[in-house]
Amino acid sequence: MTKSERETAVNRRSLLAAGALIGAVGVSTAPAAAAAPASASAASGRYARGMAVLRQVSGDRGAEVVESLSDIAPDLGRYIVEFAYGDVYARPGLDLKQRQLVTIGALAAQGDTAPQLRFHLDAALHVGLSPVEVVEALIHVVPFAGFPRALNAVTVARQVFADRGIAFQPPVQTDEQDRYERGVRKLVEVDGQHGLDVIESLRDIAPDLGRYVVEFAFGDVYHRPWLTLPQRQLVTIGALTASGDTAPQLRVHLGAALRVGLSRGQVVEALIHVVPYAGFPRVLNAVTVARGVFEEQRG
């Protein structure tokens, strides 16, 4: 093996070791021809459509990742292009900015996806989300996945901003209203009376937990003005669906998504979008929850 061949092999292994593939993560550019697998599928409509959408999302950064799999799992690279981007991302119903909000929620909530999150935070900026919206989406994950995962995700965002040369000036919440009162107002706006019923149900066993939900989740986080409520619910759907064991909470928040202006089609589309990041079982379970929410509303 020549020195050049050894360096190429090392580079490929480095990409794989970094976990750069899930979510079609890439770290550098490559020409389009390098990304096409050496099979008849390369010319398929799904592959061409997927590569076009991948470039819309990330520029040229995904191509080298697909090529890096050619010596070990070329079909995996093809599936990323054909399924994740040619099938899922290419679907109508959500635009690319909305899809990246769902993706950020799903990846940040899982907590062990730093390379993929780095790729998709960069992609979020590429498709038009602002740095403030990106950070706000990560803050929004805290009530659903906890501080450690949000802190890790913010560290990744700092790296992405540095790579892009973004001089970020973060906004700071300065609202001096009573946190509980503003939390109740926001809770009712998002969840309606059902949200208050959930808080009341905690009174006999953990009243302080109910108070924290109102004050922190809604009085602090949901009250922040840097994402709209539909945007917040897209992040929430991504986070809860990817977590996989949150059916009661997902039921509440799918209903809330409809309440704040997302359509049933957009809700289902957000669930389908999670498949490449968290798998079919969790999304199938979430769709079952959505069916129940829709039937309840029809009744």
C-alpha atoms as a PDB file:
ATOM      1  CA  MET A   1       0.000   0.000   0.000  1.00  0.00           C
ATOM      2  CA  THR A   2       1.399   3.386  -0.970  1.00  0.00           C
ATOM      3  CA  LYS A   3       1.641   6.312   1.453  1.00  0.00           C
ATOM      4  CA  SER A   4      -1.262   8.010  -0.326  1.00  0.00           C
ATOM      5  CA  GLU A   5      -3.418   4.880  -0.049  1.00  0.00           C
ATOM      6  CA  ARG A   6      -2.581   4.536   3.661  1.00  0.00           C
ATOM      7  CA  GLU A   7      -3.545   8.173   4.306  1.00  0.00           C
ATOM      8  CA  THR A   8      -6.844   7.678   2.472  1.00  0.00           C
ATOM      9  CA  ALA A   9      -7.636   4.581   4.534  1.00  0.00           C
ATOM     10  CA  VAL A  10      -6.800   6.410   7.779  1.00  0.00           C
ATOM     11  CA  ASN A  11      -9.019   9.314   6.800  1.00  0.00           C
ATOM     12  CA  ARG A  12     -11.919   6.948   6.078  1.00  0.00           C
ATOM     13  CA  ARG A  13     -11.471   5.179   9.404  1.00  0.00           C
ATOM     14  CA  SER A  14     -11.312   8.524  11.193  1.00  0.00           C
ATOM     15  CA  LEU A  15     -14.648   9.574   9.728  1.00  0.00           C
ATOM     16  CA  LEU A  16     -16.221   6.306  10.814  1.00  0.00           C
ATOM     17  CA  ALA A  17     -14.673   6.409  14.291  1.00  0.00           C
ATOM     18  CA  ALA A  18     -16.020   9.905  14.785  1.00  0.00           C
ATOM     19  CA  GLY A  19     -19.526   8.560  14.242  1.00  0.00           C
ATOM     20  CA  ALA A  20     -19.921  10.897  11.319  1.00  0.00           C
ATOM     21  CA  LEU A  21     -22.425   8.829   9.398  1.00  0.00           C
ATOM     22  CA  ILE A  22     -25.689   8.692  11.277  1.00  0.00           C
ATOM     23  CA  GLY A  23     -27.817  11.444   9.844  1.00  0.00           C
ATOM     24  CA  ALA A  24     -25.454  11.624   6.856  1.00  0.00           C
ATOM     25  CA  VAL A  25     -22.858  13.592   8.795  1.00  0.00           C
ATOM     26  CA  GLY A  26     -19.840  14.921   6.921  1.00  0.00           C
ATOM     27  CA  VAL A  27     -16.800  16.960   7.835  1.00  0.00           C
ATOM     28  CA  SER A  28     -15.411  18.104   4.502  1.00  0.00           C
ATOM     29  CA  THR A  29     -16.270  18.520   0.849  1.00  0.00           C
ATOM     30  CA  ALA A  30     -15.999  16.149  -2.085  1.00  0.00           C
ATOM     31  CA  PRO A  31     -17.092  16.261  -5.696  1.00  0.00           C
ATOM     32  CA  ALA A  32     -20.507  14.839  -6.569  1.00  0.00           C
ATOM     33  CA  ALA A  33     -19.049  11.921  -8.523  1.00  0.00           C
ATOM     34  CA  ALA A  34     -17.163  10.711  -5.461  1.00  0.00           C
ATOM     35  CA  ALA A  35     -20.388  10.315  -3.499  1.00  0.00           C
ATOM     36  CA  ALA A  36     -22.160   7.986  -5.934  1.00  0.00           C
ATOM     37  CA  PRO A  37     -21.983   4.262  -5.085  1.00  0.00           C
ATOM     38  CA  ALA A  38     -20.636   1.900  -7.712  1.00  0.00           C
ATOM     39  CA  SER A  39     -24.005   0.248  -8.377  1.00  0.00           C
ATOM     40  CA  ALA A  40     -27.002   0.619 -10.627  1.00  0.00           C
ATOM     41  CA  SER A  41     -28.755   2.443  -7.803  1.00  0.00           C
ATOM     42  CA  ALA A  42     -26.477   5.431  -8.310  1.00  0.00           C
ATOM     43  CA  ALA A  43     -28.572   6.432 -11.290  1.00  0.00           C
ATOM     44  CA  SER A  44     -31.896   5.861  -9.542  1.00  0.00           C
ATOM     45  CA  GLY A  45     -34.345   8.682  -9.075  1.00  0.00           C
ATOM     46  CA  ARG A  46     -34.260   8.232  -5.307  1.00  0.00           C
ATOM     47  CA  TYR A  47     -30.485   8.522  -5.160  1.00  0.00           C
ATOM     48  CA  ALA A  48     -30.379  11.598  -7.386  1.00  0.00           C
ATOM     49  CA  ARG A  49     -33.214  13.208  -5.446  1.00  0.00           C
ATOM     50  CA  GLY A  50     -31.554  12.365  -2.148  1.00  0.00           C
ATOM     51  CA  MET A  51     -28.193  13.769  -3.130  1.00  0.00           C
ATOM     52  CA  ALA A  52     -29.851  16.975  -4.335  1.00  0.00           C
ATOM     53  CA  VAL A  53     -31.680  17.382  -1.022  1.00  0.00           C
ATOM     54  CA  LEU A  54     -28.551  16.498   0.955  1.00  0.00           C
ATOM     55  CA  ARG A  55     -26.737  19.319  -0.840  1.00  0.00           C
ATOM     56  CA  GLN A  56     -29.617  21.683  -0.069  1.00  0.00           C
ATOM     57  CA  VAL A  57     -29.305  20.815   3.593  1.00  0.00           C
ATOM     58  CA  SER A  58     -25.544  20.741   3.978  1.00  0.00           C
ATOM     59  CA  GLY A  59     -23.857  22.064   0.864  1.00  0.00           C
ATOM     60  CA  ASP A  60     -21.218  19.583  -0.307  1.00  0.00           C
ATOM     61  CA  ARG A  61     -20.278  18.227   3.114  1.00  0.00           C
ATOM     62  CA  GLY A  62     -22.243  14.965   2.921  1.00  0.00           C
ATOM     63  CA  ALA A  63     -20.565  13.598  -0.193  1.00  0.00           C
ATOM     64  CA  GLU A  64     -17.272  12.548   1.389  1.00  0.00           C
ATOM     65  CA  VAL A  65     -19.106  10.717   4.146  1.00  0.00           C
ATOM     66  CA  VAL A  66     -20.921   8.539   1.627  1.00  0.00           C
ATOM     67  CA  GLU A  67     -17.633   7.910  -0.163  1.00  0.00           C
ATOM     68  CA  SER A  68     -15.911   7.048   3.154  1.00  0.00           C
ATOM     69  CA  LEU A  69     -18.192   4.006   3.446  1.00  0.00           C
ATOM     70  CA  SER A  70     -17.274   2.582   0.057  1.00  0.00           C
ATOM     71  CA  ASP A  71     -14.605   0.252   1.495  1.00  0.00           C
ATOM     72  CA  ILE A  72     -16.741  -1.196   4.302  1.00  0.00           C
ATOM     73  CA  ALA A  73     -20.497  -0.551   3.901  1.00  0.00           C
ATOM     74  CA  PRO A  74     -21.312   1.146   0.593  1.00  0.00           C
ATOM     75  CA  ASP A  75     -24.982   0.202   0.847  1.00  0.00           C
ATOM     76  CA  LEU A  76     -25.190   2.105   4.141  1.00  0.00           C
ATOM     77  CA  GLY A  77     -24.076   5.253   2.348  1.00  0.00           C
ATOM     78  CA  ARG A  78     -26.645   4.597  -0.360  1.00  0.00           C
ATOM     79  CA  TYR A  79     -29.410   4.119   2.220  1.00  0.00           C
ATOM     80  CA  ILE A  80     -28.529   7.439   3.842  1.00  0.00           C
ATOM     81  CA  VAL A  81     -28.862   9.221   0.505  1.00  0.00           C
ATOM     82  CA  GLU A  82     -31.878   7.313  -0.808  1.00  0.00           C
ATOM     83  CA  PHE A  83     -33.938   6.919   2.360  1.00  0.00           C
ATOM     84  CA  ALA A  84     -33.010   9.718   4.779  1.00  0.00           C
ATOM     85  CA  TYR A  85     -32.786  12.383   2.083  1.00  0.00           C
ATOM     86  CA  GLY A  86     -34.403  10.972  -1.055  1.00  0.00           C
ATOM     87  CA  ASP A  87     -37.472   9.662   0.778  1.00  0.00           C
ATOM     88  CA  VAL A  88     -37.856  11.467   4.121  1.00  0.00           C
ATOM     89  CA  TYR A  89     -36.297  14.901   3.667  1.00  0.00           C
ATOM     90  CA  ALA A  90     -37.788  15.235   0.179  1.00  0.00           C
ATOM     91  CA  ARG A  91     -41.356  14.876   1.470  1.00  0.00           C
ATOM     92  CA  PRO A  92     -43.632  17.937   1.378  1.00  0.00           C
ATOM     93  CA  GLY A  93     -45.329  19.138   4.541  1.00  0.00           C
ATOM     94  CA  LEU A  94     -42.387  20.648   6.391  1.00  0.00           C
ATOM     95  CA  ASP A  95     -39.758  22.997   5.040  1.00  0.00           C
ATOM     96  CA  LEU A  96     -36.050  22.453   5.669  1.00  0.00           C
ATOM     97  CA  LYS A  97     -35.931  24.874   8.614  1.00  0.00           C
ATOM     98  CA  GLN A  98     -38.795  23.042  10.296  1.00  0.00           C
ATOM     99  CA  ARG A  99     -37.133  19.692   9.619  1.00  0.00           C
ATOM    100  CA  GLN A 100     -33.901  20.864  11.222  1.00  0.00           C
ATOM    101  CA  LEU A 101     -35.795  21.931  14.350  1.00  0.00           C
ATOM    102  CA  VAL A 102     -37.232  18.411  14.637  1.00  0.00           C
ATOM    103  CA  THR A 103     -33.758  16.969  14.009  1.00  0.00           C
ATOM    104  CA  ILE A 104     -32.142  19.176  16.662  1.00  0.00           C
ATOM    105  CA  GLY A 105     -34.749  18.094  19.198  1.00  0.00           C
ATOM    106  CA  ALA A 106     -34.280  14.406  18.375  1.00  0.00           C
ATOM    107  CA  LEU A 107     -30.475  14.443  18.405  1.00  0.00           C
ATOM    108  CA  ALA A 108     -30.043  16.666  21.473  1.00  0.00           C
ATOM    109  CA  ALA A 109     -32.525  14.596  23.488  1.00  0.00           C
ATOM    110  CA  GLN A 110     -30.672  11.337  22.756  1.00  0.00           C
ATOM    111  CA  GLY A 111     -27.500  12.755  24.231  1.00  0.00           C
ATOM    112  CA  ASP A 112     -24.899  10.546  22.511  1.00  0.00           C
ATOM    113  CA  THR A 113     -24.948  12.059  19.030  1.00  0.00           C
ATOM    114  CA  ALA A 114     -22.413  14.906  19.171  1.00  0.00           C
ATOM    115  CA  PRO A 115     -20.918  14.351  15.666  1.00  0.00           C
ATOM    116  CA  GLN A 116     -24.371  14.188  14.087  1.00  0.00           C
ATOM    117  CA  LEU A 117     -25.602  17.147  16.113  1.00  0.00           C
ATOM    118  CA  ARG A 118     -22.603  19.163  14.964  1.00  0.00           C
ATOM    119  CA  PHE A 119     -23.445  18.399  11.350  1.00  0.00           C
ATOM    120  CA  HIS A 120     -27.116  19.261  11.785  1.00  0.00           C
ATOM    121  CA  LEU A 121     -26.540  22.465  13.749  1.00  0.00           C
ATOM    122  CA  ASP A 122     -24.365  23.599  10.858  1.00  0.00           C
ATOM    123  CA  ALA A 123     -27.085  22.446   8.446  1.00  0.00           C
ATOM    124  CA  ALA A 124     -29.685  24.404  10.422  1.00  0.00           C
ATOM    125  CA  LEU A 125     -27.664  27.566   9.854  1.00  0.00           C
ATOM    126  CA  HIS A 126     -27.165  26.595   6.204  1.00  0.00           C
ATOM    127  CA  VAL A 127     -30.925  26.351   5.564  1.00  0.00           C
ATOM    128  CA  GLY A 128     -31.698  29.665   7.244  1.00  0.00           C
ATOM    129  CA  LEU A 129     -32.176  29.268  10.986  1.00  0.00           C
ATOM    130  CA  SER A 130     -30.429  32.016  12.939  1.00  0.00           C
ATOM    131  CA  PRO A 131     -27.823  31.335  15.649  1.00  0.00           C
ATOM    132  CA  VAL A 132     -30.346  32.580  18.207  1.00  0.00           C
ATOM    133  CA  GLU A 133     -32.952  30.083  16.984  1.00  0.00           C
ATOM    134  CA  VAL A 134     -30.415  27.247  17.068  1.00  0.00           C
ATOM    135  CA  VAL A 135     -29.406  27.958  20.669  1.00  0.00           C
ATOM    136  CA  GLU A 136     -33.028  28.512  21.650  1.00  0.00           C
ATOM    137  CA  ALA A 137     -33.938  25.074  20.318  1.00  0.00           C
ATOM    138  CA  LEU A 138     -31.237  23.575  22.548  1.00  0.00           C
ATOM    139  CA  ILE A 139     -32.464  25.479  25.606  1.00  0.00           C
ATOM    140  CA  HIS A 140     -35.969  24.247  24.834  1.00  0.00           C
ATOM    141  CA  VAL A 141     -34.790  20.642  25.196  1.00  0.00           C
ATOM    142  CA  VAL A 142     -33.984  21.090  28.907  1.00  0.00           C
ATOM    143  CA  PRO A 143     -37.472  20.345  30.325  1.00  0.00           C
ATOM    144  CA  PHE A 144     -37.705  17.213  28.188  1.00  0.00           C
ATOM    145  CA  ALA A 145     -34.181  15.743  28.348  1.00  0.00           C
ATOM    146  CA  GLY A 146     -32.418  17.567  31.185  1.00  0.00           C
ATOM    147  CA  PHE A 147     -29.553  19.990  31.646  1.00  0.00           C
ATOM    148  CA  PRO A 148     -26.607  17.627  30.912  1.00  0.00           C
ATOM    149  CA  ARG A 149     -27.752  16.860  27.367  1.00  0.00           C
ATOM    150  CA  ALA A 150     -28.576  20.498  26.681  1.00  0.00           C
ATOM    151  CA  LEU A 151     -25.186  21.585  28.051  1.00  0.00           C
ATOM    152  CA  ASN A 152     -23.411  19.066  25.829  1.00  0.00           C
ATOM    153  CA  ALA A 153     -25.423  20.282  22.834  1.00  0.00           C
ATOM    154  CA  VAL A 154     -24.580  23.929  23.569  1.00  0.00           C
ATOM    155  CA  THR A 155     -20.892  22.971  23.615  1.00  0.00           C
ATOM    156  CA  VAL A 156     -21.348  21.524  20.129  1.00  0.00           C
ATOM    157  CA  ALA A 157     -23.091  24.721  19.011  1.00  0.00           C
ATOM    158  CA  ARG A 158     -20.173  26.789  20.285  1.00  0.00           C
ATOM    159  CA  GLN A 159     -17.844  24.723  18.082  1.00  0.00           C
ATOM    160  CA  VAL A 160     -20.097  25.173  15.046  1.00  0.00           C
ATOM    161  CA  PHE A 161     -20.282  28.931  15.542  1.00  0.00           C
ATOM    162  CA  ALA A 162     -16.491  29.111  15.926  1.00  0.00           C
ATOM    163  CA  ASP A 163     -15.988  27.096  12.738  1.00  0.00           C
ATOM    164  CA  ARG A 164     -18.282  29.490  10.895  1.00  0.00           C
ATOM    165  CA  GLY A 165     -16.706  32.593  12.423  1.00  0.00           C
ATOM    166  CA  ILE A 166     -20.007  33.620  14.017  1.00  0.00           C
ATOM    167  CA  ALA A 167     -19.632  36.253  16.726  1.00  0.00           C
ATOM    168  CA  PHE A 168     -22.688  35.264  18.721  1.00  0.00           C
ATOM    169  CA  GLN A 169     -24.356  37.736  21.059  1.00  0.00           C
ATOM    170  CA  PRO A 170     -26.847  35.702  23.087  1.00  0.00           C
ATOM    171  CA  PRO A 171     -30.102  37.291  24.204  1.00  0.00           C
ATOM    172  CA  VAL A 172     -30.849  37.275  27.929  1.00  0.00           C
ATOM    173  CA  GLN A 173     -34.283  36.874  29.458  1.00  0.00           C
ATOM    174  CA  THR A 174     -35.180  40.003  31.471  1.00  0.00           C
ATOM    175  CA  ASP A 175     -38.937  39.667  32.021  1.00  0.00           C
ATOM    176  CA  GLU A 176     -39.666  40.592  35.644  1.00  0.00           C
ATOM    177  CA  GLN A 177     -43.232  39.225  35.775  1.00  0.00           C
ATOM    178  CA  ASP A 178     -44.106  36.671  38.419  1.00  0.00           C
ATOM    179  CA  ARG A 179     -42.806  33.372  37.046  1.00  0.00           C
ATOM    180  CA  TYR A 180     -45.761  31.301  38.208  1.00  0.00           C
ATOM    181  CA  GLU A 181     -48.343  33.706  36.802  1.00  0.00           C
ATOM    182  CA  ARG A 182     -46.672  33.980  33.422  1.00  0.00           C
ATOM    183  CA  GLY A 183     -46.149  30.204  33.441  1.00  0.00           C
ATOM    184  CA  VAL A 184     -49.853  29.570  33.980  1.00  0.00           C
ATOM    185  CA  ARG A 185     -50.724  31.905  31.106  1.00  0.00           C
ATOM    186  CA  LYS A 186     -48.265  30.192  28.778  1.00  0.00           C
ATOM    187  CA  LEU A 187     -49.363  26.726  29.901  1.00  0.00           C
ATOM    188  CA  VAL A 188     -52.981  27.530  29.083  1.00  0.00           C
ATOM    189  CA  GLU A 189     -51.946  29.051  25.750  1.00  0.00           C
ATOM    190  CA  VAL A 190     -50.043  25.901  24.804  1.00  0.00           C
ATOM    191  CA  ASP A 191     -52.013  23.088  26.445  1.00  0.00           C
ATOM    192  CA  GLY A 192     -55.380  24.586  27.357  1.00  0.00           C
ATOM    193  CA  GLN A 193     -57.272  23.397  30.429  1.00  0.00           C
ATOM    194  CA  HIS A 194     -55.656  19.976  30.139  1.00  0.00           C
ATOM    195  CA  GLY A 195     -52.332  21.494  31.184  1.00  0.00           C
ATOM    196  CA  LEU A 196     -53.840  22.869  34.381  1.00  0.00           C
ATOM    197  CA  ASP A 197     -55.440  19.485  35.056  1.00  0.00           C
ATOM    198  CA  VAL A 198     -51.990  17.851  34.913  1.00  0.00           C
ATOM    199  CA  ILE A 199     -50.644  20.335  37.465  1.00  0.00           C
ATOM    200  CA  GLU A 200     -53.648  19.820  39.720  1.00  0.00           C
ATOM    201  CA  SER A 201     -53.174  16.031  39.565  1.00  0.00           C
ATOM    202  CA  LEU A 202     -49.804  16.450  41.295  1.00  0.00           C
ATOM    203  CA  ARG A 203     -51.175  18.367  44.264  1.00  0.00           C
ATOM    204  CA  ASP A 204     -51.655  15.311  46.492  1.00  0.00           C
ATOM    205  CA  ILE A 205     -48.203  13.805  45.971  1.00  0.00           C
ATOM    206  CA  ALA A 206     -45.680  16.313  44.525  1.00  0.00           C
ATOM    207  CA  PRO A 207     -47.110  19.837  44.466  1.00  0.00           C
ATOM    208  CA  ASP A 208     -43.670  21.371  44.120  1.00  0.00           C
ATOM    209  CA  LEU A 209     -43.109  19.327  40.952  1.00  0.00           C
ATOM    210  CA  GLY A 210     -46.249  20.876  39.501  1.00  0.00           C
ATOM    211  CA  ARG A 211     -44.993  24.301  40.507  1.00  0.00           C
ATOM    212  CA  TYR A 212     -41.648  23.665  38.807  1.00  0.00           C
ATOM    213  CA  VAL A 213     -43.423  22.615  35.601  1.00  0.00           C
ATOM    214  CA  VAL A 214     -45.346  25.894  35.624  1.00  0.00           C
ATOM    215  CA  GLU A 215     -42.518  28.186  36.698  1.00  0.00           C
ATOM    216  CA  PHE A 216     -39.597  26.678  34.809  1.00  0.00           C
ATOM    217  CA  ALA A 217     -40.929  24.783  31.788  1.00  0.00           C
ATOM    218  CA  PHE A 218     -43.572  27.361  30.917  1.00  0.00           C
ATOM    219  CA  GLY A 219     -42.765  30.508  32.914  1.00  0.00           C
ATOM    220  CA  ASP A 220     -39.090  30.460  31.953  1.00  0.00           C
ATOM    221  CA  VAL A 221     -38.480  28.284  28.868  1.00  0.00           C
ATOM    222  CA  TYR A 222     -41.717  28.426  26.881  1.00  0.00           C
ATOM    223  CA  HIS A 223     -42.062  32.119  27.724  1.00  0.00           C
ATOM    224  CA  ARG A 224     -38.833  32.977  25.915  1.00  0.00           C
ATOM    225  CA  PRO A 225     -39.663  34.915  22.719  1.00  0.00           C
ATOM    226  CA  TRP A 226     -36.911  33.660  20.406  1.00  0.00           C
ATOM    227  CA  LEU A 227     -38.865  30.732  18.952  1.00  0.00           C
ATOM    228  CA  THR A 228     -42.533  30.704  17.993  1.00  0.00           C
ATOM    229  CA  LEU A 229     -44.836  28.196  19.668  1.00  0.00           C
ATOM    230  CA  PRO A 230     -45.122  26.082  16.483  1.00  0.00           C
ATOM    231  CA  GLN A 231     -41.318  25.989  16.305  1.00  0.00           C
ATOM    232  CA  ARG A 232     -41.116  24.951  19.951  1.00  0.00           C
ATOM    233  CA  GLN A 233     -43.581  22.142  19.412  1.00  0.00           C
ATOM    234  CA  LEU A 234     -41.532  20.808  16.500  1.00  0.00           C
ATOM    235  CA  VAL A 235     -38.482  20.645  18.781  1.00  0.00           C
ATOM    236  CA  THR A 236     -40.627  19.012  21.476  1.00  0.00           C
ATOM    237  CA  ILE A 237     -42.013  16.393  19.088  1.00  0.00           C
ATOM    238  CA  GLY A 238     -38.491  15.508  17.980  1.00  0.00           C
ATOM    239  CA  ALA A 239     -37.223  15.242  21.558  1.00  0.00           C
ATOM    240  CA  LEU A 240     -40.112  13.222  22.982  1.00  0.00           C
ATOM    241  CA  THR A 241     -40.355  10.853  20.012  1.00  0.00           C
ATOM    242  CA  ALA A 242     -36.618  10.141  20.023  1.00  0.00           C
ATOM    243  CA  SER A 243     -36.693   9.505  23.780  1.00  0.00           C
ATOM    244  CA  GLY A 244     -39.094   6.651  23.130  1.00  0.00           C
ATOM    245  CA  ASP A 245     -40.716   6.163  26.556  1.00  0.00           C
ATOM    246  CA  THR A 246     -42.802   9.318  26.801  1.00  0.00           C
ATOM    247  CA  ALA A 247     -46.239   8.393  25.438  1.00  0.00           C
ATOM    248  CA  PRO A 248     -48.288  10.365  28.017  1.00  0.00           C
ATOM    249  CA  GLN A 249     -46.177  13.484  27.514  1.00  0.00           C
ATOM    250  CA  LEU A 250     -46.162  13.038  23.749  1.00  0.00           C
ATOM    251  CA  ARG A 251     -49.957  12.817  23.809  1.00  0.00           C
ATOM    252  CA  VAL A 252     -50.139  16.182  25.593  1.00  0.00           C
ATOM    253  CA  HIS A 253     -47.659  17.828  23.274  1.00  0.00           C
ATOM    254  CA  LEU A 254     -49.141  16.491  20.043  1.00  0.00           C
ATOM    255  CA  GLY A 255     -52.402  18.026  21.164  1.00  0.00           C
ATOM    256  CA  ALA A 256     -50.544  21.224  22.001  1.00  0.00           C
ATOM    257  CA  ALA A 257     -48.930  21.228  18.549  1.00  0.00           C
ATOM    258  CA  LEU A 258     -52.388  21.271  16.975  1.00  0.00           C
ATOM    259  CA  ARG A 259     -53.539  23.913  19.431  1.00  0.00           C
ATOM    260  CA  VAL A 260     -50.720  26.336  18.528  1.00  0.00           C
ATOM    261  CA  GLY A 261     -51.242  26.035  14.769  1.00  0.00           C
ATOM    262  CA  LEU A 262     -49.505  22.972  13.363  1.00  0.00           C
ATOM    263  CA  SER A 263     -51.731  20.850  11.133  1.00  0.00           C
ATOM    264  CA  ARG A 264     -52.316  17.117  11.536  1.00  0.00           C
ATOM    265  CA  GLY A 265     -50.277  16.599   8.403  1.00  0.00           C
ATOM    266  CA  GLN A 266     -47.358  18.560   9.859  1.00  0.00           C
ATOM    267  CA  VAL A 267     -47.549  16.607  13.119  1.00  0.00           C
ATOM    268  CA  VAL A 268     -47.388  13.283  11.278  1.00  0.00           C
ATOM    269  CA  GLU A 269     -44.621  14.612   9.053  1.00  0.00           C
ATOM    270  CA  ALA A 270     -42.573  15.589  12.108  1.00  0.00           C
ATOM    271  CA  LEU A 271     -42.959  12.051  13.462  1.00  0.00           C
ATOM    272  CA  ILE A 272     -41.908  10.456  10.162  1.00  0.00           C
ATOM    273  CA  HIS A 273     -38.903  12.766  10.079  1.00  0.00           C
ATOM    274  CA  VAL A 274     -37.578  11.217  13.296  1.00  0.00           C
ATOM    275  CA  VAL A 275     -37.210   7.747  11.719  1.00  0.00           C
ATOM    276  CA  PRO A 276     -33.634   8.214  10.399  1.00  0.00           C
ATOM    277  CA  TYR A 277     -32.515   9.502  13.820  1.00  0.00           C
ATOM    278  CA  ALA A 278     -34.334   7.216  16.286  1.00  0.00           C
ATOM    279  CA  GLY A 279     -35.695   4.286  14.268  1.00  0.00           C
ATOM    280  CA  PHE A 280     -39.040   2.856  13.252  1.00  0.00           C
ATOM    281  CA  PRO A 281     -40.192   1.384  16.618  1.00  0.00           C
ATOM    282  CA  ARG A 282     -40.208   4.718  18.447  1.00  0.00           C
ATOM    283  CA  VAL A 283     -41.896   6.466  15.551  1.00  0.00           C
ATOM    284  CA  LEU A 284     -44.505   3.715  15.182  1.00  0.00           C
ATOM    285  CA  ASN A 285     -45.308   4.113  18.877  1.00  0.00           C
ATOM    286  CA  ALA A 286     -45.564   7.877  18.438  1.00  0.00           C
ATOM    287  CA  VAL A 287     -47.898   7.505  15.460  1.00  0.00           C
ATOM    288  CA  THR A 288     -50.152   5.341  17.610  1.00  0.00           C
ATOM    289  CA  VAL A 289     -50.269   8.195  20.133  1.00  0.00           C
ATOM    290  CA  ALA A 290     -51.048  10.662  17.341  1.00  0.00           C
ATOM    291  CA  ARG A 291     -53.925   8.488  16.110  1.00  0.00           C
ATOM    292  CA  GLY A 292     -55.447   8.615  19.567  1.00  0.00           C
ATOM    293  CA  VAL A 293     -55.068  12.398  19.762  1.00  0.00           C
ATOM    294  CA  PHE A 294     -56.705  12.871  16.358  1.00  0.00           C
ATOM    295  CA  GLU A 295     -59.591  10.542  17.208  1.00  0.00           C
ATOM    296  CA  GLU A 296     -60.139  12.330  20.500  1.00  0.00           C
ATOM    297  CA  GLN A 297     -60.343  15.657  18.703  1.00  0.00           C
ATOM    298  CA  ARG A 298     -62.825  14.289  16.169  1.00  0.00           C
ATOM    299  CA  GLY A 299     -64.979  13.047  19.019  1.00  0.00           C
END
